[in-house]
Amino acid sequence: FTNYFLLTKNNYRYLTGLLAYLPVNATDITWDTYYNKLPYK
């Protein structure tokens, strides 16, 4: 999901492929900024 991977060749298509499985009628997206700073339970 990083810039390094997605900007290499056509790798951005990997993320677009995963996003295709999200619901079409989604109303809100909440992006978590808590767990990427939590090193343990």
All heavy atoms as atom14 arrays in JSON, in Angstrom:
{
  "sequence": "FTNYFLLTKNNYRYLTGLLAYLPVNATDITWDTYYNKLPYK",
  "atom14_mask": [
    [1, 1, 1, 1, 1, 1, 1, 1, 1, 1, 1, 0, 0, 0],
    [1, 1, 1, 1, 1, 1, 1, 0, 0, 0, 0, 0, 0, 0],
    [1, 1, 1, 1, 1, 1, 1, 1, 0, 0, 0, 0, 0, 0],
    [1, 1, 1, 1, 1, 1, 1, 1, 1, 1, 1, 1, 0, 0],
    [1, 1, 1, 1, 1, 1, 1, 1, 1, 1, 1, 0, 0, 0],
    [1, 1, 1, 1, 1, 1, 1, 1, 0, 0, 0, 0, 0, 0],
    [1, 1, 1, 1, 1, 1, 1, 1, 0, 0, 0, 0, 0, 0],
    [1, 1, 1, 1, 1, 1, 1, 0, 0, 0, 0, 0, 0, 0],
    [1, 1, 1, 1, 1, 1, 1, 1, 1, 0, 0, 0, 0, 0],
    [1, 1, 1, 1, 1, 1, 1, 1, 0, 0, 0, 0, 0, 0],
    [1, 1, 1, 1, 1, 1, 1, 1, 0, 0, 0, 0, 0, 0],
    [1, 1, 1, 1, 1, 1, 1, 1, 1, 1, 1, 1, 0, 0],
    [1, 1, 1, 1, 1, 1, 1, 1, 1, 1, 1, 0, 0, 0],
    [1, 1, 1, 1, 1, 1, 1, 1, 1, 1, 1, 1, 0, 0],
    [1, 1, 1, 1, 1, 1, 1, 1, 0, 0, 0, 0, 0, 0],
    [1, 1, 1, 1, 1, 1, 1, 0, 0, 0, 0, 0, 0, 0],
    [1, 1, 1, 1, 0, 0, 0, 0, 0, 0, 0, 0, 0, 0],
    [1, 1, 1, 1, 1, 1, 1, 1, 0, 0, 0, 0, 0, 0],
    [1, 1, 1, 1, 1, 1, 1, 1, 0, 0, 0, 0, 0, 0],
    [1, 1, 1, 1, 1, 0, 0, 0, 0, 0, 0, 0, 0, 0],
    [1, 1, 1, 1, 1, 1, 1, 1, 1, 1, 1, 1, 0, 0],
    [1, 1, 1, 1, 1, 1, 1, 1, 0, 0, 0, 0, 0, 0],
    [1, 1, 1, 1, 1, 1, 1, 0, 0, 0, 0, 0, 0, 0],
    [1, 1, 1, 1, 1, 1, 1, 0, 0, 0, 0, 0, 0, 0],
    [1, 1, 1, 1, 1, 1, 1, 1, 0, 0, 0, 0, 0, 0],
    [1, 1, 1, 1, 1, 0, 0, 0, 0, 0, 0, 0, 0, 0],
    [1, 1, 1, 1, 1, 1, 1, 0, 0, 0, 0, 0, 0, 0],
    [1, 1, 1, 1, 1, 1, 1, 1, 0, 0, 0, 0, 0, 0],
    [1, 1, 1, 1, 1, 1, 1, 1, 0, 0, 0, 0, 0, 0],
    [1, 1, 1, 1, 1, 1, 1, 0, 0, 0, 0, 0, 0, 0],
    [1, 1, 1, 1, 1, 1, 1, 1, 1, 1, 1, 1, 1, 1],
    [1, 1, 1, 1, 1, 1, 1, 1, 0, 0, 0, 0, 0, 0],
    [1, 1, 1, 1, 1, 1, 1, 0, 0, 0, 0, 0, 0, 0],
    [1, 1, 1, 1, 1, 1, 1, 1, 1, 1, 1, 1, 0, 0],
    [1, 1, 1, 1, 1, 1, 1, 1, 1, 1, 1, 1, 0, 0],
    [1, 1, 1, 1, 1, 1, 1, 1, 0, 0, 0, 0, 0, 0],
    [1, 1, 1, 1, 1, 1, 1, 1, 1, 0, 0, 0, 0, 0],
    [1, 1, 1, 1, 1, 1, 1, 1, 0, 0, 0, 0, 0, 0],
    [1, 1, 1, 1, 1, 1, 1, 0, 0, 0, 0, 0, 0, 0],
    [1, 1, 1, 1, 1, 1, 1, 1, 1, 1, 1, 1, 0, 0],
    [1, 1, 1, 1, 1, 1, 1, 1, 1, 0, 0, 0, 0, 0]
  ],
  "atom14_positions": [
    [[0.83, -1.21, 0.0], [0.0, 0.0, 0.0], [0.87, 1.26, 0.0], [0.34, 2.37, 0.01], [-0.92, 0.01, 1.23], [-2.04, -0.98, 1.16], [-1.81, -2.32, 1.41], [-3.32, -0.58, 0.83], [-2.83, -3.25, 1.34], [-4.37, -1.5, 0.77], [-4.11, -2.85, 1.02], [0.0, 0.0, 0.0], [0.0, 0.0, 0.0], [0.0, 0.0, 0.0]],
    [[2.18, 1.12, 0.0], [3.06, 2.27, 0.12], [3.32, 2.95, -1.22], [3.05, 2.38, -2.3], [4.41, 1.85, 0.72], [5.05, 0.93, -0.18], [4.22, 1.18, 2.08], [0.0, 0.0, 0.0], [0.0, 0.0, 0.0], [0.0, 0.0, 0.0], [0.0, 0.0, 0.0], [0.0, 0.0, 0.0], [0.0, 0.0, 0.0], [0.0, 0.0, 0.0]],
    [[3.84, 4.17, -1.15], [4.18, 4.92, -2.36], [5.21, 4.16, -3.2], [5.11, 4.12, -4.43], [4.76, 6.29, -1.98], [3.79, 7.13, -1.19], [2.6, 7.09, -1.42], [4.29, 7.89, -0.24], [0.0, 0.0, 0.0], [0.0, 0.0, 0.0], [0.0, 0.0, 0.0], [0.0, 0.0, 0.0], [0.0, 0.0, 0.0], [0.0, 0.0, 0.0]],
    [[6.18, 3.56, -2.53], [7.24, 2.84, -3.23], [6.66, 1.72, -4.1], [7.04, 1.55, -5.26], [8.22, 2.29, -2.19], [9.35, 1.44, -2.75], [9.87, 1.66, -4.03], [9.91, 0.42, -1.99], [10.91, 0.87, -4.53], [10.95, -0.36, -2.47], [11.43, -0.13, -3.75], [12.45, -0.91, -4.25], [0.0, 0.0, 0.0], [0.0, 0.0, 0.0]],
    [[5.74, 0.96, -3.55], [5.16, -0.15, -4.3], [4.21, 0.36, -5.39], [4.3, -0.07, -6.55], [4.4, -1.08, -3.36], [3.74, -2.24, -4.05], [4.44, -3.38, -4.36], [2.39, -2.18, -4.39], [3.84, -4.46, -5.01], [1.77, -3.25, -5.03], [2.5, -4.39, -5.34], [0.0, 0.0, 0.0], [0.0, 0.0, 0.0], [0.0, 0.0, 0.0]],
    [[3.31, 1.27, -5.04], [2.26, 1.69, -5.99], [2.82, 2.48, -7.16], [2.21, 2.5, -8.24], [1.2, 2.51, -5.25], [0.4, 1.75, -4.18], [-0.53, 2.71, -3.45], [-0.39, 0.6, -4.79], [0.0, 0.0, 0.0], [0.0, 0.0, 0.0], [0.0, 0.0, 0.0], [0.0, 0.0, 0.0], [0.0, 0.0, 0.0], [0.0, 0.0, 0.0]],
    [[3.96, 3.15, -6.98], [4.54, 3.94, -8.07], [5.57, 3.15, -8.88], [6.24, 3.71, -9.74], [5.19, 5.21, -7.51], [4.21, 6.24, -6.91], [4.96, 7.41, -6.32], [3.21, 6.7, -7.96], [0.0, 0.0, 0.0], [0.0, 0.0, 0.0], [0.0, 0.0, 0.0], [0.0, 0.0, 0.0], [0.0, 0.0, 0.0], [0.0, 0.0, 0.0]],
    [[5.69, 1.86, -8.6], [6.57, 1.0, -9.38], [5.78, 0.36, -10.51], [4.8, -0.37, -10.27], [7.2, -0.09, -8.5], [7.94, 0.54, -7.44], [8.13, -0.97, -9.3], [0.0, 0.0, 0.0], [0.0, 0.0, 0.0], [0.0, 0.0, 0.0], [0.0, 0.0, 0.0], [0.0, 0.0, 0.0], [0.0, 0.0, 0.0], [0.0, 0.0, 0.0]],
    [[6.15, 0.67, -11.74], [5.5, 0.11, -12.94], [3.97, 0.32, -12.84], [3.52, 1.43, -12.64], [5.85, -1.37, -13.1], [7.35, -1.63, -13.26], [7.64, -3.12, -13.41], [9.14, -3.36, -13.53], [9.47, -4.81, -13.65], [0.0, 0.0, 0.0], [0.0, 0.0, 0.0], [0.0, 0.0, 0.0], [0.0, 0.0, 0.0], [0.0, 0.0, 0.0]],
    [[3.21, -0.78, -13.02], [1.75, -0.68, -12.98], [1.17, -1.19, -11.66], [0.02, -1.64, -11.61], [1.14, -1.5, -14.14], [1.5, -0.92, -15.5], [1.63, 0.29, -15.65], [1.67, -1.78, -16.49], [0.0, 0.0, 0.0], [0.0, 0.0, 0.0], [0.0, 0.0, 0.0], [0.0, 0.0, 0.0], [0.0, 0.0, 0.0], [0.0, 0.0, 0.0]],
    [[1.95, -1.1, -10.6], [1.51, -1.68, -9.33], [0.28, -1.0, -8.74], [-0.39, -1.58, -7.87], [2.65, -1.63, -8.3], [3.77, -2.59, -8.66], [3.69, -3.33, -9.64], [4.83, -2.57, -7.87], [0.0, 0.0, 0.0], [0.0, 0.0, 0.0], [0.0, 0.0, 0.0], [0.0, 0.0, 0.0], [0.0, 0.0, 0.0], [0.0, 0.0, 0.0]],
    [[-0.02, 0.21, -9.18], [-1.21, 0.89, -8.67], [-2.46, 0.07, -8.96], [-3.49, 0.18, -8.28], [-1.33, 2.29, -9.29], [-1.67, 2.28, -10.75], [-2.98, 2.4, -11.18], [-0.69, 2.17, -11.73], [-3.31, 2.38, -12.52], [-1.0, 2.16, -13.07], [-2.31, 2.26, -13.47], [-2.64, 2.26, -14.8], [0.0, 0.0, 0.0], [0.0, 0.0, 0.0]],
    [[-2.4, -0.8, -9.97], [-3.56, -1.61, -10.33], [-3.89, -2.64, -9.25], [-5.03, -3.11, -9.16], [-3.3, -2.34, -11.66], [-3.21, -1.39, -12.86], [-2.85, -2.16, -14.11], [-2.74, -1.27, -15.26], [-2.28, -1.64, -16.45], [-1.86, -2.89, -16.63], [-2.22, -0.78, -17.45], [0.0, 0.0, 0.0], [0.0, 0.0, 0.0], [0.0, 0.0, 0.0]],
    [[-2.9, -2.97, -8.44], [-3.17, -3.9, -7.34], [-4.16, -3.28, -6.36], [-5.14, -3.93, -5.94], [-1.87, -4.25, -6.63], [-2.08, -5.04, -5.35], [-2.51, -6.36, -5.39], [-1.85, -4.46, -4.1], [-2.7, -7.09, -4.21], [-2.05, -5.18, -2.93], [-2.48, -6.49, -2.99], [-2.68, -7.19, -1.83], [0.0, 0.0, 0.0], [0.0, 0.0, 0.0]],
    [[-3.92, -2.02, -5.99], [-4.83, -1.36, -5.05], [-6.19, -1.13, -5.68], [-7.23, -1.29, -5.03], [-4.23, -0.04, -4.56], [-5.07, 0.74, -3.54], [-5.41, -0.13, -2.34], [-4.35, 2.0, -3.1], [0.0, 0.0, 0.0], [0.0, 0.0, 0.0], [0.0, 0.0, 0.0], [0.0, 0.0, 0.0], [0.0, 0.0, 0.0], [0.0, 0.0, 0.0]],
    [[-6.22, -0.75, -6.96], [-7.52, -0.55, -7.61], [-8.3, -1.87, -7.65], [-9.53, -1.88, -7.57], [-7.33, -0.02, -9.04], [-6.6, -0.97, -9.82], [-6.58, 1.3, -9.02], [0.0, 0.0, 0.0], [0.0, 0.0, 0.0], [0.0, 0.0, 0.0], [0.0, 0.0, 0.0], [0.0, 0.0, 0.0], [0.0, 0.0, 0.0], [0.0, 0.0, 0.0]],
    [[-7.58, -2.98, -7.79], [-8.25, -4.28, -7.78], [-8.88, -4.58, -6.43], [-10.02, -5.06, -6.36], [0.0, 0.0, 0.0], [0.0, 0.0, 0.0], [0.0, 0.0, 0.0], [0.0, 0.0, 0.0], [0.0, 0.0, 0.0], [0.0, 0.0, 0.0], [0.0, 0.0, 0.0], [0.0, 0.0, 0.0], [0.0, 0.0, 0.0], [0.0, 0.0, 0.0]],
    [[-8.14, -4.29, -5.34], [-8.72, -4.52, -4.01], [-9.9, -3.6, -3.74], [-10.9, -4.0, -3.13], [-7.63, -4.31, -2.94], [-6.5, -5.33, -2.88], [-5.56, -4.99, -1.74], [-7.04, -6.74, -2.72], [0.0, 0.0, 0.0], [0.0, 0.0, 0.0], [0.0, 0.0, 0.0], [0.0, 0.0, 0.0], [0.0, 0.0, 0.0], [0.0, 0.0, 0.0]],
    [[-9.8, -2.34, -4.22], [-10.88, -1.39, -4.0], [-12.15, -1.81, -4.73], [-13.26, -1.4, -4.36], [-10.45, 0.01, -4.44], [-9.34, 0.67, -3.62], [-8.97, 2.02, -4.21], [-9.77, 0.83, -2.17], [0.0, 0.0, 0.0], [0.0, 0.0, 0.0], [0.0, 0.0, 0.0], [0.0, 0.0, 0.0], [0.0, 0.0, 0.0], [0.0, 0.0, 0.0]],
    [[-12.01, -2.62, -5.79], [-13.18, -3.07, -6.53], [-14.07, -3.96, -5.68], [-15.26, -4.14, -5.99], [-12.74, -3.82, -7.79], [0.0, 0.0, 0.0], [0.0, 0.0, 0.0], [0.0, 0.0, 0.0], [0.0, 0.0, 0.0], [0.0, 0.0, 0.0], [0.0, 0.0, 0.0], [0.0, 0.0, 0.0], [0.0, 0.0, 0.0], [0.0, 0.0, 0.0]],
    [[-13.54, -4.51, -4.58], [-14.33, -5.38, -3.71], [-15.03, -4.59, -2.6], [-15.75, -5.19, -1.8], [-13.43, -6.44, -3.1], [-12.95, -7.47, -4.1], [-11.71, -7.35, -4.71], [-13.75, -8.56, -4.45], [-11.27, -8.28, -5.63], [-13.33, -9.49, -5.38], [-12.08, -9.35, -5.97], [-11.66, -10.28, -6.89], [0.0, 0.0, 0.0], [0.0, 0.0, 0.0]],
    [[-14.78, -3.3, -2.54], [-15.5, -2.47, -1.57], [-16.92, -2.22, -2.06], [-17.18, -2.24, -3.26], [-14.77, -1.14, -1.37], [-13.37, -1.2, -0.76], [-12.77, 0.2, -0.67], [-13.41, -1.84, 0.63], [0.0, 0.0, 0.0], [0.0, 0.0, 0.0], [0.0, 0.0, 0.0], [0.0, 0.0, 0.0], [0.0, 0.0, 0.0], [0.0, 0.0, 0.0]],
    [[-17.85, -1.97, -1.16], [-19.24, -1.73, -1.58], [-19.35, -0.49, -2.46], [-18.71, 0.53, -2.19], [-19.99, -1.57, -0.26], [-18.94, -1.23, 0.75], [-17.7, -1.93, 0.31], [0.0, 0.0, 0.0], [0.0, 0.0, 0.0], [0.0, 0.0, 0.0], [0.0, 0.0, 0.0], [0.0, 0.0, 0.0], [0.0, 0.0, 0.0], [0.0, 0.0, 0.0]],
    [[-20.16, -0.59, -3.5], [-20.32, 0.53, -4.45], [-21.04, 1.7, -3.8], [-20.75, 2.86, -4.08], [-21.1, 0.05, -5.7], [-21.27, 1.19, -6.7], [-20.41, -1.13, -6.32], [0.0, 0.0, 0.0], [0.0, 0.0, 0.0], [0.0, 0.0, 0.0], [0.0, 0.0, 0.0], [0.0, 0.0, 0.0], [0.0, 0.0, 0.0], [0.0, 0.0, 0.0]],
    [[-21.96, 1.42, -2.9], [-22.8, 2.46, -2.31], [-22.27, 2.94, -0.96], [-23.04, 3.35, -0.09], [-24.22, 1.95, -2.16], [-24.27, 0.63, -1.39], [-23.24, 0.08, -1.04], [-25.48, 0.14, -1.12], [0.0, 0.0, 0.0], [0.0, 0.0, 0.0], [0.0, 0.0, 0.0], [0.0, 0.0, 0.0], [0.0, 0.0, 0.0], [0.0, 0.0, 0.0]],
    [[-20.96, 2.88, -0.75], [-20.38, 3.33, 0.53], [-20.64, 4.82, 0.73], [-20.63, 5.61, -0.22], [-18.89, 3.05, 0.55], [0.0, 0.0, 0.0], [0.0, 0.0, 0.0], [0.0, 0.0, 0.0], [0.0, 0.0, 0.0], [0.0, 0.0, 0.0], [0.0, 0.0, 0.0], [0.0, 0.0, 0.0], [0.0, 0.0, 0.0], [0.0, 0.0, 0.0]],
    [[-20.89, 5.21, 1.98], [-21.2, 6.61, 2.29], [-20.02, 7.34, 2.94], [-19.8, 8.51, 2.7], [-22.4, 6.71, 3.24], [-22.13, 5.93, 4.42], [-23.65, 6.16, 2.56], [0.0, 0.0, 0.0], [0.0, 0.0, 0.0], [0.0, 0.0, 0.0], [0.0, 0.0, 0.0], [0.0, 0.0, 0.0], [0.0, 0.0, 0.0], [0.0, 0.0, 0.0]],
    [[-19.26, 6.61, 3.76], [-18.13, 7.24, 4.47], [-16.96, 6.27, 4.56], [-17.15, 5.05, 4.67], [-18.53, 7.65, 5.9], [-19.56, 8.77, 5.92], [-19.17, 9.92, 5.67], [-20.74, 8.47, 6.16], [0.0, 0.0, 0.0], [0.0, 0.0, 0.0], [0.0, 0.0, 0.0], [0.0, 0.0, 0.0], [0.0, 0.0, 0.0], [0.0, 0.0, 0.0]],
    [[-15.75, 6.82, 4.52], [-14.53, 6.05, 4.76], [-13.79, 6.67, 5.93], [-13.49, 7.87, 5.92], [-13.61, 6.01, 3.52], [-14.31, 5.3, 2.35], [-12.31, 5.31, 3.84], [-13.46, 5.27, 1.09], [0.0, 0.0, 0.0], [0.0, 0.0, 0.0], [0.0, 0.0, 0.0], [0.0, 0.0, 0.0], [0.0, 0.0, 0.0], [0.0, 0.0, 0.0]],
    [[-13.53, 5.89, 6.93], [-12.74, 6.36, 8.08], [-11.37, 5.7, 8.01], [-11.27, 4.47, 8.0], [-13.42, 6.01, 9.41], [-14.73, 6.59, 9.44], [-12.6, 6.54, 10.58], [0.0, 0.0, 0.0], [0.0, 0.0, 0.0], [0.0, 0.0, 0.0], [0.0, 0.0, 0.0], [0.0, 0.0, 0.0], [0.0, 0.0, 0.0], [0.0, 0.0, 0.0]],
    [[-10.33, 6.53, 7.98], [-8.97, 6.01, 7.87], [-8.31, 6.06, 9.24], [-8.23, 7.1, 9.88], [-8.16, 6.84, 6.88], [-6.9, 6.13, 6.44], [-5.72, 6.09, 7.1], [-6.74, 5.34, 5.27], [-4.81, 5.33, 6.42], [-5.41, 4.85, 5.27], [-7.57, 5.0, 4.2], [-4.89, 4.04, 4.27], [-7.06, 4.2, 3.2], [-5.74, 3.73, 3.23]],
    [[-7.86, 4.91, 9.68], [-7.29, 4.8, 11.02], [-5.87, 5.36, 11.07], [-5.05, 5.08, 10.21], [-7.28, 3.34, 11.45], [-6.68, 3.17, 12.83], [-7.42, 3.32, 13.81], [-5.47, 2.9, 12.92], [0.0, 0.0, 0.0], [0.0, 0.0, 0.0], [0.0, 0.0, 0.0], [0.0, 0.0, 0.0], [0.0, 0.0, 0.0], [0.0, 0.0, 0.0]],
    [[-5.58, 6.17, 12.1], [-4.23, 6.69, 12.34], [-3.75, 6.32, 13.74], [-2.82, 6.91, 14.25], [-4.19, 8.22, 12.18], [-5.1, 8.81, 13.12], [-4.57, 8.63, 10.77], [0.0, 0.0, 0.0], [0.0, 0.0, 0.0], [0.0, 0.0, 0.0], [0.0, 0.0, 0.0], [0.0, 0.0, 0.0], [0.0, 0.0, 0.0], [0.0, 0.0, 0.0]],
    [[-4.43, 5.34, 14.34], [-4.1, 4.95, 15.72], [-3.22, 3.71, 15.76], [-2.17, 3.7, 16.43], [-5.39, 4.71, 16.5], [-5.17, 4.17, 17.9], [-4.76, 5.0, 18.93], [-5.37, 2.82, 18.19], [-4.55, 4.52, 20.21], [-5.17, 2.32, 19.46], [-4.75, 3.17, 20.48], [-4.55, 2.68, 21.74], [0.0, 0.0, 0.0], [0.0, 0.0, 0.0]],
    [[-3.6, 2.66, 15.06], [-2.9, 1.38, 15.2], [-1.53, 1.38, 14.54], [-0.68, 0.56, 14.91], [-3.77, 0.25, 14.64], [-5.0, 0.02, 15.48], [-6.24, 0.49, 15.06], [-4.92, -0.63, 16.7], [-7.37, 0.3, 15.84], [-6.04, -0.82, 17.49], [-7.28, -0.35, 17.06], [-8.37, -0.52, 17.84], [0.0, 0.0, 0.0], [0.0, 0.0, 0.0]],
    [[-1.27, 2.28, 13.58], [0.06, 2.31, 12.98], [1.1, 2.91, 13.93], [2.3, 2.89, 13.63], [0.05, 3.07, 11.66], [-0.24, 4.55, 11.84], [-0.74, 4.95, 12.88], [0.07, 5.35, 10.85], [0.0, 0.0, 0.0], [0.0, 0.0, 0.0], [0.0, 0.0, 0.0], [0.0, 0.0, 0.0], [0.0, 0.0, 0.0], [0.0, 0.0, 0.0]],
    [[0.64, 3.44, 15.08], [1.56, 3.96, 16.09], [1.57, 3.1, 17.35], [2.23, 3.44, 18.33], [1.16, 5.4, 16.46], [1.18, 6.37, 15.29], [0.7, 7.73, 15.73], [0.65, 8.71, 14.56], [0.14, 10.03, 14.97], [0.0, 0.0, 0.0], [0.0, 0.0, 0.0], [0.0, 0.0, 0.0], [0.0, 0.0, 0.0], [0.0, 0.0, 0.0]],
    [[0.82, 1.98, 17.34], [0.69, 1.14, 18.52], [1.59, -0.09, 18.36], [1.28, -0.98, 17.59], [-0.77, 0.71, 18.7], [-1.13, 0.04, 20.02], [-1.01, 1.03, 21.17], [-2.55, -0.52, 19.96], [0.0, 0.0, 0.0], [0.0, 0.0, 0.0], [0.0, 0.0, 0.0], [0.0, 0.0, 0.0], [0.0, 0.0, 0.0], [0.0, 0.0, 0.0]],
    [[2.7, -0.16, 19.09], [3.65, -1.26, 18.89], [3.26, -2.56, 19.6], [3.9, -3.58, 19.39], [4.95, -0.7, 19.47], [4.49, 0.24, 20.53], [3.2, 0.84, 20.03], [0.0, 0.0, 0.0], [0.0, 0.0, 0.0], [0.0, 0.0, 0.0], [0.0, 0.0, 0.0], [0.0, 0.0, 0.0], [0.0, 0.0, 0.0], [0.0, 0.0, 0.0]],
    [[2.25, -2.52, 20.45], [1.84, -3.72, 21.17], [0.37, -3.59, 21.56], [-0.24, -2.54, 21.39], [2.68, -3.94, 22.43], [2.82, -2.71, 23.29], [1.83, -2.33, 24.18], [3.96, -1.89, 23.19], [1.95, -1.19, 24.95], [4.09, -0.75, 23.94], [3.08, -0.4, 24.82], [3.2, 0.73, 25.57], [0.0, 0.0, 0.0], [0.0, 0.0, 0.0]],
    [[-0.18, -4.67, 22.07], [-1.59, -4.69, 22.42], [-1.86, -3.76, 23.59], [-1.15, -3.76, 24.58], [-2.01, -6.13, 22.77], [-3.52, -6.32, 22.92], [-3.85, -7.78, 23.04], [-5.36, -8.0, 23.12], [-5.69, -9.44, 23.18], [0.0, 0.0, 0.0], [0.0, 0.0, 0.0], [0.0, 0.0, 0.0], [0.0, 0.0, 0.0], [0.0, 0.0, 0.0]]
  ]
}
